[in-house]
Amino acid sequence: MHEEVCALSTDFGAYVERFPHPETGIPFAVKDFLDVAGQTTRNGTPGLGHHVAAEDAEVVARLRAAGYVPVSRTTVPELAWSVRTPGCRNPWAPDRDAGGSSGGSAVAVATGDVPVALGTDTGGSIRIPAALCGVAGLRPTHGTVPMRGVTPLVPSMDTAGPIARTAADCLTVHRILAGAGEPAPDTVEGLRLGWPEHLWRGKIDPEVLEVVESAAGTLRAAGVDIVPVELPLGARHARSAGFTTMLYESAQQWWQAYSDDPSGLRGRAIGQLKAGAEVSRDDYDAARARAAEIADEVDAVFSEVDALLMPTLPVTAAPADTDEVELGGRAESLENAYYRLTALASVSGHPALTVPAGLTGAGLPAGAQLVGPRRQEALLCLLGGVIESGPPARALARARTGRTPS
């Protein structure tokens, strides 16, 4: 059966390489952005096909020490510069997008090939594909996961993290990668969650919203109070501040390496790096200042509520041949739509978790996103587990695996 599942995930374009491995240990997949000793780290680009890692990335080494075994390297768009992963298809609908840039990792978990995969998240690259593929994904608090051996793209926003089937599995791996963090309460009863509806009002697929509102209902039934909150700076500036930062810092990391000979690049990365090279230092500094203000705003709201609840994405997986979706009766680029609700935590540096919350009428997964105070990953995973216990999420789990989360 395992060989059949492996073939399935390979058919969906999840992998660029498989490793020989012993029969013992817990298998995990590694995004082609993290070093594995003796293996090539391609970063999705032919220009880096010569890079053979001398040692494991620190996060890979920590998992090995805990009894995990890397078994494969997963597909990534070139230099991770995309919200979709070319050649990687969604297991729920092969004609649809798997998301990016950790698309291969999400597909590997969604097909059951591995129980956990490592990804990286800059603007949403763990949460986007996890939500589209119906699995859980955790973006840890920025700066808490060691990044040695992880290809730098946007250092002020980059973090590594886990993709797994459940929030509990994400937390288990996160504690190996980053340590215990802050403890979670014994119960969710009495917790207050903020509902920042202005972030998506009029710009969301009604079926996605219905799934996330059902997740809110599951939390309320468990004793959680959900109250409206406002994040005006985040609503207005998170995406622009994040995108300017991504352009500028990625160009600082990579443009000089390719500007004289762009033949090593084959996808949209060359255009993004070129655009980043044209961002002025003043514009970058302004974006970072705005990001600091957004972080302060989010910190302040956590004096009123314990965490935020929102959709992970305003849409489900888009057809693989389209670059636009319709939101609120208007066309919007796929990149803007996918990034709309993941940008806040990416820019503020707070931890964020997506969990599979249910299926739309077309049978496509929709994710619920929880954003929490710094180092409160355990709290987010506790809340995520409650969402996973609700009927819509359990129906998704049955459709995915034939059983509900244990």
Protein backbone atom coordinates (compact mmCIF):
# COMPACT_ATOMS: atom_id res chain seq x y z
CA MET A 1 0.00 0.00 0.00
CA HIS A 2 2.84 2.42 0.84
CA GLU A 3 4.31 1.92 -2.64
CA GLU A 4 0.89 2.74 -4.16
CA VAL A 5 0.65 5.96 -2.15
CA CYS A 6 4.21 6.92 -3.11
CA ALA A 7 3.34 6.44 -6.76
CA LEU A 8 0.25 8.60 -6.28
CA SER A 9 2.17 11.52 -4.81
CA THR A 10 4.81 11.19 -7.52
CA ASP A 11 2.03 11.35 -10.11
CA PHE A 12 0.91 14.66 -8.59
CA GLY A 13 4.39 16.14 -9.02
CA ALA A 14 5.28 16.20 -5.32
CA TYR A 15 8.92 15.19 -5.66
CA VAL A 16 12.17 16.11 -7.35
CA GLU A 17 14.14 13.34 -5.62
CA ARG A 18 13.82 10.32 -3.35
CA PHE A 19 16.51 9.17 -0.92
CA PRO A 20 17.54 5.65 0.09
CA HIS A 21 16.43 5.17 3.69
CA PRO A 22 16.26 2.49 6.36
CA GLU A 23 12.99 0.84 7.31
CA THR A 24 13.10 2.25 10.83
CA GLY A 25 12.27 5.82 11.80
CA ILE A 26 9.45 8.22 11.02
CA PRO A 27 9.63 9.31 7.36
CA PHE A 28 9.49 12.98 6.47
CA ALA A 29 9.82 14.97 3.26
CA VAL A 30 12.02 18.04 2.83
CA LYS A 31 11.26 21.05 0.68
CA ASP A 32 13.93 21.61 -1.98
CA PHE A 33 15.01 24.72 -0.11
CA LEU A 34 16.60 22.97 2.87
CA ASP A 35 19.91 21.11 2.92
CA VAL A 36 20.12 17.35 3.39
CA ALA A 37 23.68 16.06 3.77
CA GLY A 38 25.03 14.55 0.56
CA GLN A 39 22.01 15.60 -1.51
CA THR A 40 21.56 18.37 -4.06
CA THR A 41 19.61 21.46 -2.99
CA ARG A 42 18.23 22.85 -6.26
CA ASN A 43 15.89 25.56 -4.93
CA GLY A 44 13.74 24.90 -7.98
CA THR A 45 16.27 26.42 -10.37
CA PRO A 46 18.80 24.88 -12.78
CA GLY A 47 21.35 27.49 -11.75
CA LEU A 48 21.79 25.78 -8.38
CA GLY A 49 21.74 22.18 -9.56
CA HIS A 50 25.40 21.82 -8.61
CA HIS A 51 24.94 22.54 -4.90
CA VAL A 52 25.50 19.35 -2.89
CA ALA A 53 24.98 19.94 0.82
CA ALA A 54 27.88 19.09 3.11
CA GLU A 55 25.62 18.81 6.14
CA ASP A 56 21.97 18.80 7.13
CA ALA A 57 20.07 22.00 7.71
CA GLU A 58 19.69 22.44 11.46
CA VAL A 59 15.97 21.61 11.33
CA VAL A 60 16.68 18.40 9.40
CA ALA A 61 19.40 17.47 11.89
CA ARG A 62 17.04 18.01 14.82
CA LEU A 63 14.41 15.77 13.30
CA ARG A 64 16.99 13.07 12.59
CA ALA A 65 18.12 13.21 16.22
CA ALA A 66 14.49 12.70 17.28
CA GLY A 67 14.12 9.53 15.19
CA TYR A 68 12.79 10.96 11.93
CA VAL A 69 14.26 9.96 8.56
CA PRO A 70 14.30 12.19 5.44
CA VAL A 71 12.98 10.17 2.52
CA SER A 72 12.41 12.69 -0.27
CA ARG A 73 12.90 16.22 -1.52
CA THR A 74 9.72 18.03 -2.56
CA THR A 75 8.96 20.26 -5.52
CA VAL A 76 9.31 24.03 -5.19
CA PRO A 77 8.86 26.91 -7.67
CA GLU A 78 12.04 28.64 -8.75
CA LEU A 79 13.67 30.30 -5.72
CA ALA A 80 10.28 29.84 -3.99
CA TRP A 81 9.05 32.99 -5.78
CA SER A 82 5.45 31.94 -6.36
CA VAL A 83 2.19 31.12 -4.59
CA ARG A 84 1.86 28.08 -6.85
CA THR A 85 4.21 25.19 -7.62
CA PRO A 86 4.61 24.45 -11.36
CA GLY A 87 4.16 20.79 -12.16
CA CYS A 88 2.56 20.07 -8.78
CA ARG A 89 -1.16 19.22 -8.88
CA ASN A 90 -3.82 19.16 -6.20
CA PRO A 91 -4.72 15.63 -4.98
CA TRP A 92 -8.35 16.69 -4.50
CA ALA A 93 -8.68 17.84 -8.12
CA PRO A 94 -5.73 17.17 -10.45
CA ASP A 95 -6.75 20.00 -12.77
CA ARG A 96 -6.34 22.49 -9.91
CA ASP A 97 -3.51 24.26 -8.16
CA ALA A 98 -1.65 22.78 -5.19
CA GLY A 99 -0.39 26.18 -4.03
CA GLY A 100 3.12 27.27 -3.23
CA SER A 101 5.79 27.57 -2.57
CA SER A 102 5.76 24.46 -0.35
CA GLY A 103 3.36 22.76 -2.75
CA GLY A 104 5.28 19.50 -3.01
CA SER A 105 5.43 19.17 0.76
CA ALA A 106 1.68 19.70 1.09
CA VAL A 107 0.91 17.15 -1.62
CA ALA A 108 3.23 14.58 -0.04
CA VAL A 109 1.31 14.86 3.24
CA ALA A 110 -2.15 15.08 1.66
CA THR A 111 -1.64 11.86 -0.31
CA GLY A 112 -0.48 10.03 2.83
CA ASP A 113 3.00 9.39 1.49
CA VAL A 114 4.60 10.92 4.61
CA PRO A 115 3.10 11.97 7.95
CA VAL A 116 5.03 15.23 7.98
CA ALA A 117 7.00 17.44 5.62
CA LEU A 118 9.17 20.49 6.14
CA GLY A 119 8.35 23.70 4.30
CA THR A 120 9.27 27.35 4.46
CA ASP A 121 6.92 30.29 4.82
CA THR A 122 7.76 33.83 3.74
CA GLY A 123 4.44 35.30 2.59
CA GLY A 124 2.31 32.21 3.20
CA SER A 125 4.23 29.38 1.56
CA ILE A 126 3.37 26.79 4.21
CA ARG A 127 -0.19 27.91 4.88
CA ILE A 128 -1.33 28.43 1.28
CA PRO A 129 -0.60 24.92 -0.06
CA ALA A 130 -1.61 23.26 3.22
CA ALA A 131 -5.03 24.92 3.05
CA LEU A 132 -5.51 24.12 -0.64
CA CYS A 133 -4.53 20.47 -0.12
CA GLY A 134 -6.60 19.91 3.03
CA VAL A 135 -3.83 19.49 5.61
CA ALA A 136 -2.42 21.49 8.53
CA GLY A 137 0.54 23.86 8.31
CA LEU A 138 2.29 25.93 10.96
CA ARG A 139 4.22 29.15 10.43
CA PRO A 140 6.20 29.52 13.69
CA THR A 141 7.01 32.80 15.38
CA HIS A 142 9.65 34.50 13.24
CA GLY A 143 13.14 33.96 14.61
CA THR A 144 12.39 30.92 16.77
CA VAL A 145 13.34 28.20 14.26
CA PRO A 146 17.05 27.90 13.33
CA MET A 147 17.59 28.73 9.66
CA ARG A 148 21.12 27.37 9.15
CA GLY A 149 21.07 25.33 5.96
CA VAL A 150 17.81 26.88 4.72
CA THR A 151 18.19 28.88 1.52
CA PRO A 152 17.66 32.56 2.38
CA LEU A 153 15.07 34.46 0.36
CA VAL A 154 13.65 37.21 2.58
CA PRO A 155 15.44 36.92 5.94
CA SER A 156 13.17 39.36 7.78
CA MET A 157 10.14 37.18 6.93
CA ASP A 158 11.46 33.64 6.24
CA THR A 159 10.83 30.75 8.60
CA ALA A 160 10.84 26.98 8.32
CA GLY A 161 7.96 24.94 9.70
CA PRO A 162 5.94 21.73 9.48
CA ILE A 163 3.11 20.54 7.29
CA ALA A 164 1.20 17.57 8.72
CA ARG A 165 -2.27 16.08 8.76
CA THR A 166 -3.30 17.57 12.10
CA ALA A 167 -2.51 20.50 14.34
CA ALA A 168 -1.24 18.12 17.03
CA ASP A 169 1.27 16.60 14.61
CA CYS A 170 2.44 20.09 13.62
CA LEU A 171 3.03 20.93 17.28
CA THR A 172 4.99 17.72 17.90
CA VAL A 173 7.38 18.57 15.07
CA HIS A 174 7.53 22.25 15.97
CA ARG A 175 8.70 21.43 19.49
CA ILE A 176 11.56 19.41 18.01
CA LEU A 177 12.50 22.28 15.70
CA ALA A 178 12.15 25.22 18.08
CA GLY A 179 11.67 23.99 21.63
CA ALA A 180 8.60 24.02 23.83
CA GLY A 181 7.55 27.67 23.55
CA GLU A 182 4.79 28.94 25.79
CA PRO A 183 2.47 26.29 27.29
CA ALA A 184 -1.14 26.09 26.20
CA PRO A 185 -4.01 26.34 28.69
CA ASP A 186 -5.67 23.14 29.85
CA THR A 187 -8.91 24.03 28.07
CA VAL A 188 -10.17 26.43 25.43
CA GLU A 189 -13.22 27.27 27.52
CA GLY A 190 -13.27 30.98 28.29
CA LEU A 191 -10.77 31.97 25.59
CA ARG A 192 -11.54 34.99 23.40
CA LEU A 193 -10.80 34.97 19.68
CA GLY A 194 -10.78 38.04 17.48
CA TRP A 195 -12.74 37.92 14.20
CA PRO A 196 -11.22 40.59 11.89
CA GLU A 197 -13.95 40.42 9.28
CA HIS A 198 -12.90 43.66 7.60
CA LEU A 199 -9.86 41.81 6.21
CA TRP A 200 -12.06 39.77 3.87
CA ARG A 201 -15.50 41.40 3.82
CA GLY A 202 -16.86 41.30 0.26
CA LYS A 203 -13.67 39.61 -0.97
CA ILE A 204 -14.26 35.93 -0.24
CA ASP A 205 -15.90 32.91 -1.82
CA PRO A 206 -19.19 32.47 0.10
CA GLU A 207 -18.61 28.72 0.42
CA VAL A 208 -15.18 29.27 1.97
CA LEU A 209 -16.69 31.74 4.42
CA GLU A 210 -19.40 29.23 5.30
CA VAL A 211 -16.76 26.62 6.15
CA VAL A 212 -14.80 29.03 8.36
CA GLU A 213 -17.97 30.25 10.07
CA SER A 214 -18.76 26.62 10.83
CA ALA A 215 -15.30 26.33 12.42
CA ALA A 216 -16.17 29.36 14.52
CA GLY A 217 -19.35 27.59 15.57
CA THR A 218 -17.36 24.54 16.67
CA LEU A 219 -15.14 26.77 18.80
CA ARG A 220 -18.15 28.53 20.33
CA ALA A 221 -19.64 25.15 21.24
CA ALA A 222 -16.40 24.40 23.11
CA GLY A 223 -16.77 27.58 25.17
CA VAL A 224 -14.71 30.02 23.09
CA ASP A 225 -15.98 33.59 22.79
CA ILE A 226 -15.50 35.11 19.31
CA VAL A 227 -15.61 38.88 19.10
CA PRO A 228 -15.09 41.40 16.27
CA VAL A 229 -11.73 43.19 16.15
CA GLU A 230 -10.23 45.80 13.84
CA LEU A 231 -6.71 45.86 12.38
CA PRO A 232 -6.78 48.94 10.15
CA LEU A 233 -3.04 49.12 9.49
CA GLY A 234 -2.85 45.43 8.73
CA ALA A 235 -5.84 45.63 6.42
CA ARG A 236 -4.44 48.59 4.54
CA HIS A 237 -0.71 47.91 4.41
CA ALA A 238 0.26 44.29 5.21
CA ARG A 239 0.30 43.08 1.62
CA SER A 240 2.15 46.09 0.20
CA ALA A 241 4.70 46.20 3.03
CA GLY A 242 5.30 42.48 2.70
CA PHE A 243 5.60 42.51 -1.08
CA THR A 244 8.05 45.43 -1.10
CA THR A 245 10.13 43.66 1.52
CA MET A 246 10.10 40.41 -0.45
CA LEU A 247 11.15 42.12 -3.67
CA TYR A 248 13.98 44.08 -2.08
CA GLU A 249 15.46 41.40 0.16
CA SER A 250 15.26 38.60 -2.41
CA ALA A 251 17.09 40.82 -4.91
CA GLN A 252 19.74 41.56 -2.29
CA GLN A 253 20.18 37.82 -1.81
CA TRP A 254 20.15 36.70 -5.45
CA TRP A 255 20.19 39.44 -8.10
CA GLN A 256 23.96 39.86 -8.26
CA ALA A 257 24.39 36.12 -8.72
CA TYR A 258 22.17 36.13 -11.82
CA SER A 259 22.24 39.65 -13.29
CA ASP A 260 25.28 38.96 -15.49
CA ASP A 261 24.02 35.57 -16.60
CA PRO A 262 20.27 35.05 -16.18
CA SER A 263 20.41 31.75 -18.09
CA GLY A 264 20.48 29.96 -14.74
CA LEU A 265 16.88 31.08 -14.18
CA ARG A 266 13.97 29.81 -16.22
CA GLY A 267 10.77 31.03 -14.56
CA ARG A 268 9.21 34.18 -13.16
CA ALA A 269 12.00 34.51 -10.58
CA ILE A 270 14.16 36.53 -12.97
CA GLY A 271 11.41 39.14 -13.35
CA GLN A 272 10.86 39.32 -9.59
CA LEU A 273 14.56 39.70 -8.87
CA LYS A 274 14.89 42.38 -11.52
CA ALA A 275 11.91 44.25 -10.06
CA GLY A 276 13.42 43.91 -6.60
CA ALA A 277 16.70 45.39 -7.78
CA GLU A 278 14.75 48.51 -8.75
CA VAL A 279 13.17 48.98 -5.30
CA SER A 280 14.88 51.90 -3.58
CA ARG A 281 16.37 51.68 -0.12
CA ASP A 282 13.97 54.43 0.98
CA ASP A 283 10.96 52.40 -0.17
CA TYR A 284 12.32 49.33 1.59
CA ASP A 285 12.92 51.24 4.83
CA ALA A 286 9.39 52.63 4.64
CA ALA A 287 8.00 49.12 4.18
CA ARG A 288 9.94 47.84 7.19
CA ALA A 289 8.74 50.77 9.29
CA ARG A 290 5.17 50.00 8.27
CA ALA A 291 5.71 46.33 9.12
CA ALA A 292 6.85 47.34 12.62
CA GLU A 293 3.68 49.41 13.05
CA ILE A 294 1.55 46.45 11.93
CA ALA A 295 3.37 44.19 14.41
CA ASP A 296 2.63 46.68 17.19
CA GLU A 297 -1.02 46.78 16.14
CA VAL A 298 -1.28 42.99 16.28
CA ASP A 299 0.49 42.89 19.65
CA ALA A 300 -2.02 45.44 20.95
CA VAL A 301 -5.04 43.42 19.83
CA PHE A 302 -3.67 40.47 21.81
CA SER A 303 -4.24 42.49 24.96
CA GLU A 304 -7.96 42.13 24.13
CA VAL A 305 -8.15 38.61 22.68
CA ASP A 306 -6.14 35.40 22.97
CA ALA A 307 -5.80 34.78 19.21
CA LEU A 308 -7.31 35.67 15.84
CA LEU A 309 -9.54 33.45 13.71
CA MET A 310 -9.85 34.04 9.97
CA PRO A 311 -9.92 32.18 6.66
CA THR A 312 -6.51 31.03 5.45
CA LEU A 313 -7.45 31.91 1.88
CA PRO A 314 -10.51 33.64 0.45
CA VAL A 315 -10.78 31.01 -2.30
CA THR A 316 -10.29 27.30 -2.90
CA ALA A 317 -7.71 25.85 -5.28
CA ALA A 318 -7.84 27.63 -8.63
CA PRO A 319 -7.74 25.84 -11.97
CA ALA A 320 -4.13 25.22 -12.91
CA ASP A 321 -4.47 27.12 -16.19
CA THR A 322 -5.68 30.43 -14.73
CA ASP A 323 -3.86 33.36 -13.17
CA GLU A 324 -7.01 35.16 -11.99
CA VAL A 325 -9.94 34.48 -9.69
CA GLU A 326 -13.18 36.37 -9.13
CA LEU A 327 -13.71 37.94 -5.72
CA GLY A 328 -16.58 40.27 -4.92
CA GLY A 329 -17.63 40.30 -8.56
CA ARG A 330 -14.22 41.53 -9.76
CA ALA A 331 -11.20 39.78 -11.23
CA GLU A 332 -8.16 39.61 -8.98
CA SER A 333 -4.74 38.11 -9.62
CA LEU A 334 -4.27 34.68 -8.10
CA GLU A 335 -1.19 35.92 -6.26
CA ASN A 336 -3.10 38.75 -4.59
CA ALA A 337 -5.99 36.47 -3.67
CA TYR A 338 -3.83 33.75 -2.15
CA TYR A 339 -1.68 36.28 -0.28
CA ARG A 340 -4.57 38.45 0.96
CA LEU A 341 -5.02 36.78 4.36
CA THR A 342 -1.62 35.18 4.96
CA ALA A 343 0.25 38.49 4.70
CA LEU A 344 -0.65 39.74 8.18
CA ALA A 345 1.32 37.15 10.17
CA SER A 346 4.14 37.11 7.62
CA VAL A 347 4.68 40.84 8.06
CA SER A 348 4.08 41.00 11.82
CA GLY A 349 6.18 37.93 12.66
CA HIS A 350 3.45 36.26 14.73
CA PRO A 351 2.79 32.51 14.57
CA ALA A 352 -0.02 31.30 12.33
CA LEU A 353 -1.63 27.91 11.85
CA THR A 354 -3.93 26.67 9.11
CA VAL A 355 -6.11 23.62 9.74
CA PRO A 356 -8.42 21.82 7.31
CA ALA A 357 -11.85 23.12 8.30
CA GLY A 358 -14.17 21.50 5.75
CA LEU A 359 -15.09 21.01 2.12
CA THR A 360 -17.03 23.20 -0.27
CA GLY A 361 -19.87 21.90 -2.39
CA ALA A 362 -17.37 21.07 -5.13
CA GLY A 363 -15.42 18.88 -2.72
CA LEU A 364 -12.46 21.26 -2.36
CA PRO A 365 -10.78 21.91 1.02
CA ALA A 366 -10.99 25.23 2.83
CA GLY A 367 -8.70 26.15 5.71
CA ALA A 368 -9.24 28.10 8.91
CA GLN A 369 -6.30 30.24 10.05
CA LEU A 370 -5.36 31.05 13.64
CA VAL A 371 -2.86 33.81 14.45
CA GLY A 372 -1.53 34.11 17.99
CA PRO A 373 0.85 35.96 20.28
CA ARG A 374 4.56 35.27 19.86
CA ARG A 375 5.69 31.77 20.89
CA GLN A 376 2.08 30.68 21.42
CA GLU A 377 2.16 27.87 18.85
CA ALA A 378 0.79 25.41 21.44
CA LEU A 379 -2.27 27.60 21.97
CA LEU A 380 -2.91 27.78 18.23
CA CYS A 381 -2.60 24.00 17.89
CA LEU A 382 -4.98 23.46 20.82
CA LEU A 383 -7.55 25.67 19.11
CA GLY A 384 -6.83 24.02 15.77
CA GLY A 385 -7.54 20.63 17.30
CA VAL A 386 -10.96 21.85 18.38
CA ILE A 387 -11.73 22.97 14.82
CA GLU A 388 -10.58 19.55 13.56
CA SER A 389 -13.09 17.90 15.90
CA GLY A 390 -16.04 19.63 14.23
CA PRO A 391 -18.28 17.73 11.79
CA PRO A 392 -17.13 19.58 8.61
CA ALA A 393 -13.44 19.01 9.40
CA ARG A 394 -14.06 15.37 10.28
CA ALA A 395 -15.88 14.89 6.98
CA LEU A 396 -12.83 16.31 5.21
CA ALA A 397 -10.55 13.94 7.14
CA ARG A 398 -12.71 10.96 6.21
CA ALA A 399 -12.63 11.95 2.55
CA ARG A 400 -8.85 12.33 2.71
CA THR A 401 -7.88 9.25 4.69
CA GLY A 402 -10.93 7.11 5.27
CA ARG A 403 -10.80 7.91 8.99
CA THR A 404 -11.12 10.89 11.32
CA PRO A 405 -8.22 12.38 13.26
CA SER A 406 -7.46 10.35 16.37
